[in-house]
Amino acid sequence: MKTPIFHCAAALLVAGCGIAAAAVPAPAAAQVGGIVHDPRNYAQNILTAARTLEQINNQIKQLQNQATSLANEARNLSGLPVSTIEELQGQVDRTRTLLGEAQRVAFDVGDIQKAFDARYKGGALTGTQAEMVANAEARWNDSVGAFQDAMKVQAGVVGNMGDARRSITTLVAASQSAAGALQAAQAGNQLLALQSQQLGDLAAAIAAQGRAQMLDAARAAAAEAEGRERFRRFLKGN
């Protein structure tokens, strides 16, 4: 059985709690100068504004990245302002012109066949004395002309080397200062074209030199065959 003292203590405890609860005020809107200020709404508004600002900054960064990407694509798609194609074509045309000026025996299969039938074999080596002398002189002229043609082609190739050097300097400089991938690729393609032109010059020089050597070898073979025919006639005459 609880004593009256216990009941009194309990009553005092409950009364004290009520007084303490009444002493702690709940958050409430404050009124300053006639304006009601709610701290909770103020904090929520600041948080919303911060999130909105962050979203705007992210959008700005995306737009900046897109602008940078478009600028890079524009640079990559911009064409090379330098072209050496006309110079290379001019060098090729000069070499072809020199080959086209081949004397007597041209770089043509049909022409070569006719020349050999007329001066290097068959009846050309067994005709009359006058015909043999004329054919021997023609063969000598073929050889001399072929060597002259070879030297002209070689001189033309050497002349093209100066133009090729200038083209290389221009294209390498353009490649090193290329603004994008397309310009670098175009500079590389023109360098490959220049290399092809130089290989063409080399092939032309080799062809001209080979032609001269083959005609000289054919002249020597024809002279040997003609010598045997002369010797046969000499023995027959005796």
Protein backbone atom coordinates (compact mmCIF):
# COMPACT_ATOMS: atom_id res chain seq x y z
CA MET A 1 0.00 0.00 0.00
CA LYS A 2 1.49 3.33 -1.20
CA THR A 3 1.98 6.00 1.44
CA PRO A 4 0.63 9.53 1.26
CA ILE A 5 4.21 10.80 0.90
CA PHE A 6 4.61 8.83 -2.36
CA HIS A 7 1.49 10.34 -3.77
CA CYS A 8 2.72 13.82 -2.97
CA ALA A 9 6.07 13.22 -4.74
CA ALA A 10 4.34 11.94 -7.82
CA ALA A 11 2.09 14.93 -7.92
CA LEU A 12 5.07 17.30 -7.64
CA LEU A 13 6.91 15.45 -10.49
CA VAL A 14 3.97 15.74 -12.86
CA ALA A 15 3.52 19.39 -12.07
CA GLY A 16 7.25 20.05 -12.68
CA CYS A 17 7.15 18.35 -16.06
CA GLY A 18 4.21 20.44 -17.06
CA ILE A 19 5.99 23.60 -16.06
CA ALA A 20 9.15 22.53 -18.03
CA ALA A 21 7.12 21.72 -21.09
CA ALA A 22 5.50 25.08 -20.93
CA ALA A 23 8.89 26.78 -20.55
CA VAL A 24 10.29 25.36 -23.95
CA PRO A 25 8.64 27.24 -26.84
CA ALA A 26 7.87 25.45 -30.15
CA PRO A 27 9.35 26.87 -33.38
CA ALA A 28 7.09 29.59 -34.57
CA ALA A 29 7.08 32.35 -37.15
CA ALA A 30 8.61 35.59 -35.95
CA GLN A 31 7.24 38.97 -36.82
CA VAL A 32 9.83 41.66 -37.56
CA GLY A 33 8.68 45.11 -38.64
CA GLY A 34 5.30 43.81 -39.65
CA ILE A 35 6.81 41.03 -41.85
CA VAL A 36 6.30 37.42 -40.80
CA HIS A 37 9.59 35.40 -41.02
CA ASP A 38 9.34 31.63 -41.07
CA PRO A 39 12.81 30.05 -40.59
CA ARG A 40 11.71 26.70 -41.96
CA ASN A 41 10.37 28.16 -45.23
CA TYR A 42 13.47 30.35 -45.56
CA ALA A 43 15.81 27.33 -45.26
CA GLN A 44 13.73 25.36 -47.76
CA ASN A 45 13.83 28.25 -50.25
CA ILE A 46 17.62 28.52 -49.95
CA LEU A 47 18.03 24.77 -50.57
CA THR A 48 15.75 24.91 -53.62
CA ALA A 49 17.64 27.89 -55.04
CA ALA A 50 20.98 26.10 -54.54
CA ARG A 51 19.74 23.01 -56.36
CA THR A 52 18.38 25.12 -59.20
CA LEU A 53 21.71 26.96 -59.51
CA GLU A 54 23.58 23.64 -59.61
CA GLN A 55 21.33 22.40 -62.43
CA ILE A 56 21.93 25.62 -64.37
CA ASN A 57 25.71 25.26 -63.92
CA ASN A 58 25.54 21.66 -65.18
CA GLN A 59 23.59 22.79 -68.23
CA ILE A 60 26.15 25.52 -68.90
CA LYS A 61 28.97 22.96 -68.68
CA GLN A 62 27.13 20.68 -71.13
CA LEU A 63 26.69 23.55 -73.56
CA GLN A 64 30.37 24.44 -73.23
CA ASN A 65 31.37 20.82 -73.90
CA GLN A 66 29.10 20.70 -76.94
CA ALA A 67 30.58 23.95 -78.25
CA THR A 68 34.10 22.59 -77.77
CA SER A 69 33.15 19.36 -79.55
CA LEU A 70 31.66 21.27 -82.48
CA ALA A 71 34.76 23.45 -82.71
CA ASN A 72 36.98 20.35 -82.77
CA GLU A 73 34.82 18.77 -85.45
CA ALA A 74 35.01 21.96 -87.49
CA ARG A 75 38.81 21.92 -87.25
CA ASN A 76 38.93 18.23 -88.14
CA LEU A 77 36.74 18.85 -91.20
CA SER A 78 38.55 21.94 -92.46
CA GLY A 79 40.47 21.32 -95.69
CA LEU A 80 44.18 21.88 -96.20
CA PRO A 81 44.74 25.36 -97.69
CA VAL A 82 47.92 24.19 -99.46
CA SER A 83 47.96 22.06 -102.62
CA THR A 84 50.94 20.89 -104.68
CA ILE A 85 48.95 18.73 -107.10
CA GLU A 86 49.45 21.07 -110.06
CA GLU A 87 53.20 21.16 -109.45
CA LEU A 88 53.36 17.36 -109.27
CA GLN A 89 51.29 17.01 -112.44
CA GLY A 90 53.63 19.46 -114.17
CA GLN A 91 56.66 17.38 -113.18
CA VAL A 92 55.01 14.19 -114.45
CA ASP A 93 54.08 15.90 -117.73
CA ARG A 94 57.66 17.11 -118.25
CA THR A 95 59.03 13.60 -117.78
CA ARG A 96 56.42 12.13 -120.13
CA THR A 97 57.29 14.75 -122.73
CA LEU A 98 60.94 13.78 -122.58
CA LEU A 99 60.04 10.11 -123.00
CA GLY A 100 57.76 11.02 -125.90
CA GLU A 101 60.66 12.73 -127.69
CA ALA A 102 62.57 9.46 -127.98
CA GLN A 103 64.58 9.50 -131.19
CA ARG A 104 64.26 6.90 -133.97
CA VAL A 105 63.11 3.96 -131.79
CA ALA A 106 60.24 5.13 -129.58
CA PHE A 107 58.82 3.49 -126.48
CA ASP A 108 56.24 1.68 -128.56
CA VAL A 109 56.02 -2.06 -129.17
CA GLY A 110 54.99 -1.69 -132.81
CA ASP A 111 57.70 0.87 -133.55
CA ILE A 112 60.35 -1.31 -131.93
CA GLN A 113 59.27 -4.32 -133.98
CA LYS A 114 59.47 -2.34 -137.22
CA ALA A 115 62.89 -0.92 -136.36
CA PHE A 116 64.34 -4.34 -135.58
CA ASP A 117 62.87 -5.91 -138.70
CA ALA A 118 64.35 -3.13 -140.82
CA ARG A 119 67.80 -2.70 -139.28
CA TYR A 120 68.73 -5.43 -136.79
CA LYS A 121 67.89 -8.80 -138.30
CA GLY A 122 66.97 -10.74 -141.40
CA GLY A 123 67.46 -9.02 -144.73
CA ALA A 124 69.06 -5.99 -143.06
CA LEU A 125 72.17 -8.13 -142.44
CA THR A 126 72.28 -9.91 -145.80
CA GLY A 127 71.46 -7.17 -148.32
CA THR A 128 73.76 -5.45 -150.74
CA GLN A 129 76.96 -3.81 -149.62
CA ALA A 130 75.35 -0.37 -149.74
CA GLU A 131 72.32 -1.59 -147.77
CA MET A 132 74.51 -3.15 -145.11
CA VAL A 133 76.48 0.08 -144.74
CA ALA A 134 73.27 2.13 -144.51
CA ASN A 135 71.77 -0.22 -141.92
CA ALA A 136 74.95 -0.20 -139.86
CA GLU A 137 74.89 3.61 -139.83
CA ALA A 138 71.19 3.57 -138.87
CA ARG A 139 71.90 1.23 -135.98
CA TRP A 140 74.70 3.48 -134.79
CA ASN A 141 72.35 6.47 -134.94
CA ASP A 142 69.79 4.49 -132.94
CA SER A 143 72.33 3.86 -130.19
CA VAL A 144 73.62 7.42 -130.09
CA GLY A 145 70.08 8.82 -130.05
CA ALA A 146 69.03 6.43 -127.27
CA PHE A 147 71.93 7.47 -125.06
CA GLN A 148 71.14 11.13 -125.74
CA ASP A 149 67.50 10.52 -124.81
CA ALA A 150 68.54 8.78 -121.59
CA MET A 151 70.70 11.73 -120.61
CA LYS A 152 67.84 14.16 -121.34
CA VAL A 153 65.45 12.14 -119.17
CA GLN A 154 68.02 12.01 -116.38
CA ALA A 155 68.51 15.76 -116.62
CA GLY A 156 64.75 16.26 -116.40
CA VAL A 157 64.56 14.03 -113.33
CA VAL A 158 67.34 16.02 -111.67
CA GLY A 159 65.50 19.24 -112.53
CA ASN A 160 62.34 17.89 -110.88
CA MET A 161 64.26 17.28 -107.67
CA GLY A 162 64.37 21.01 -106.94
CA ASP A 163 60.60 21.30 -107.30
CA ALA A 164 60.15 18.17 -105.20
CA ARG A 165 62.26 19.67 -102.42
CA ARG A 166 60.09 22.78 -102.32
CA SER A 167 56.94 20.66 -102.28
CA ILE A 168 58.28 18.56 -99.41
CA THR A 169 59.08 21.68 -97.38
CA THR A 170 55.60 23.11 -98.00
CA LEU A 171 53.75 19.89 -97.19
CA VAL A 172 55.74 19.05 -94.06
CA ALA A 173 55.14 22.56 -92.73
CA ALA A 174 51.43 22.25 -93.51
CA SER A 175 51.29 18.85 -91.80
CA GLN A 176 52.98 20.11 -88.66
CA SER A 177 50.64 23.11 -88.41
CA ALA A 178 47.49 21.18 -89.36
CA ALA A 179 44.45 22.34 -87.40
CA GLY A 180 42.63 19.02 -87.60
CA ALA A 181 42.66 15.42 -88.73
CA LEU A 182 41.50 16.19 -92.28
CA GLN A 183 44.29 18.68 -92.91
CA ALA A 184 46.89 16.26 -91.57
CA ALA A 185 45.49 13.45 -93.75
CA GLN A 186 45.45 15.66 -96.85
CA ALA A 187 49.04 16.72 -96.26
CA GLY A 188 49.99 13.06 -95.91
CA ASN A 189 48.16 12.19 -99.14
CA GLN A 190 50.02 14.91 -101.02
CA LEU A 191 53.33 13.63 -99.65
CA LEU A 192 52.39 10.17 -100.94
CA ALA A 193 51.56 11.69 -104.32
CA LEU A 194 54.96 13.38 -104.34
CA GLN A 195 56.60 10.06 -103.55
CA SER A 196 54.69 8.44 -106.42
CA GLN A 197 55.89 11.17 -108.78
CA GLN A 198 59.49 10.60 -107.72
CA LEU A 199 59.10 6.86 -108.23
CA GLY A 200 57.71 7.63 -111.69
CA ASP A 201 60.77 9.75 -112.46
CA LEU A 202 63.01 6.95 -111.30
CA ALA A 203 61.17 4.43 -113.47
CA ALA A 204 61.46 6.79 -116.46
CA ALA A 205 65.20 7.21 -115.96
CA ILE A 206 65.68 3.45 -115.64
CA ALA A 207 63.57 2.83 -118.75
CA ALA A 208 65.52 5.37 -120.81
CA GLN A 209 68.85 3.99 -119.63
CA GLY A 210 67.72 0.43 -120.28
CA ARG A 211 66.54 1.37 -123.77
CA ALA A 212 69.93 2.85 -124.59
CA GLN A 213 71.77 -0.19 -123.29
CA MET A 214 69.50 -2.64 -125.14
CA LEU A 215 69.84 -0.76 -128.43
CA ASP A 216 73.61 -0.69 -128.04
CA ALA A 217 73.64 -4.41 -127.28
CA ALA A 218 71.40 -5.02 -130.31
CA ARG A 219 73.76 -2.93 -132.46
CA ALA A 220 76.73 -4.99 -131.28
CA ALA A 221 74.87 -8.25 -132.02
CA ALA A 222 73.85 -7.00 -135.47
CA ALA A 223 77.39 -5.88 -136.18
CA GLU A 224 78.66 -9.34 -135.24
CA ALA A 225 76.11 -11.03 -137.51
CA GLU A 226 76.94 -8.61 -140.29
CA GLY A 227 80.64 -9.31 -139.81
CA ARG A 228 80.03 -13.03 -140.26
CA GLU A 229 78.11 -12.33 -143.45
CA ARG A 230 80.93 -10.17 -144.79
CA PHE A 231 83.43 -12.86 -143.92
CA ARG A 232 81.28 -15.49 -145.68
CA ARG A 233 81.13 -13.35 -148.77
CA PHE A 234 84.85 -12.76 -148.62
CA LEU A 235 85.52 -16.51 -148.50
CA LYS A 236 83.01 -17.15 -151.26
CA GLY A 237 84.60 -14.48 -153.41
CA ASN A 238 87.99 -16.09 -152.98
